[in-house]
C-alpha cells in the first residue's frame, strides 16, 4: 500500500508559516495498512440478502433479493412463483360453474371479487348480462363491499404487526371477524365461497340477514375507528410511514400501479365510477385521493375506502328490503340448476323443497340437475375481457370459449402481481427496515400473484 502523505498546516492564531517549509510526514506500517485495507473492503462490499420466501413480513410466500450497502438498499429483485397452483390451467378442465371454485382461491383475502369478475365475463359470453335479477346483483355488491372493507382491514392490521405493533392486527382482525360472520351466515363459509354463480348467486340471503348485518355495522365502524385512532396520529407510525416508499406519479403510471397506490398519487381511478358494473352508478360514494403516493397516504386511502364501502352497504340493505323474495338466478333452465342450495343459520343444510321435488317427485328435474352439475352448460364461442375494481386495484378477466362446456382459456390480470413491479422504485435508496413498510402498503396476496 502507498504511504499516506500528511500535511501539517498552521492553525489560526499561530505565526505565519511558509507551507513549503513544512516537512512531509509519511505514515506507514503494518497496523495502519491493515486498518485502511479493512475500511476499503467494507465500503466496497455489498451484501446480498434473501428476504423470504418464508418470511413473516412478506405477506405470503414471496422472495425478495436485496442488495445492501450497509443498511441502504441498492437493488431489489422480486422473485415469485412459490405459491403457484395452476388455477388458470385447471379451469380449462372444469365446467364454467366449477371455475368459480378455482378463481375464488386466488386472492383469498378478497375472494368475492374474483368470483364476481369471472361470472360477469361468462355472462357477457352468454349474452345474459341484462337478464341478471336485481336482487342477485344487489347481493353481489353487498358481498364485494363488505369484502373490500375486510381486505383493507387485513392490509392495515398485518402491516402494523410486521412492524411489531401486534395490537394493530388484533384490533383489525376483530373488525374483520364481524364481516366473516356475515359471510358465514350467507354462504356457509368464511373463505373460498364459490357463492357467486354465472347467472346470479347460489342462493338467497337467509331470513333475518339484513337485520343481522345492520347489527354488525356499528361494531365494524367502532373497531376501524379504534384502529384509526391508534395509527394515524401516532408519532412512531408517522415516522415510519410518512415519506416512506414514495412513488412519483410518473412512475405510478409507467408501472401500471392501480388501487390505493394510484389514488394516493391523486388520480381518482375507480372502475365503479369510470366503467360502472353491477349497478354501481346507482349508489352514492366518493373516491378518496391524496397528493402523493407514500406509505402513509396509501394507508389513508384504505381507511377512507372502508368507510365508503360501509356507506354503500347501508344503501344496498335498504334496496334489498324492497325486493325481498325476488329471484336470485337468471330465469333460464339451461343455466340455472333446478336444485337451489339454501344455507340455514347454522351454515349447513339444503333446500328441503327442492330436494323433495328432485329426489321424490320429478325424474325430469333430477336428470336435468344431474346433467347440469356434471356436464355443465355450453357457452357460445368467443372471448371477452371484463374489469372490476378490486381492493388492490384493477382486476382483469380474459375468458375465451370454444363453444363447449368448459373455458378454452381463462386468464386474470391480478392487481397484486402488477403492483409488485413498483417495489424496486419504492425501496432502492432507502433503509432495509423500510422494505417491510413498502411491501405492507402494496399489500400483495400471493395466491393472486402466482395463481
Foldseek 3Di string as FASTA:
>chain_A
DDWDWDQDDDDPPDDDDDSVPTDIDTDDDDVVVVVVVVVVCLQPDKDWDWAACDHLLQQHRWIWTFIGNVQFTAFIDTDFAPQFDCLFVVQQVDFLLCNLLRQLQQQFLQSLVSNVQSLCFLCVLQVCQVQFDLLLLLVSLLSNLLSLLLLLLCLQQSLCVVVPNNVSVVLSVVLSVLSLLLVCQAQVGSTSRSQAGNFFGLDHHAPPSLVSVVVSVVVNVVSLVVSCVVALPDVVNCVLWPPALWDAQVRCVVLVFFALQNQQCPDQDACCPVPNGSPSVVADFDRHHHNTRTLSSSSVNSSRSSVRSVSRNVVSSVVSVVQPPHDGGGPDLLADQLFGADQHSNSDDGDPVSCCCQVPNDVVSVVSNVCCNPQNHWGQFDWDWGWHQHNLGIKIWIWGHPRGRGTPGIDIPFNLQSLVVSLGVSRRRHGPSSSSSNSSSSSHNSSNNND
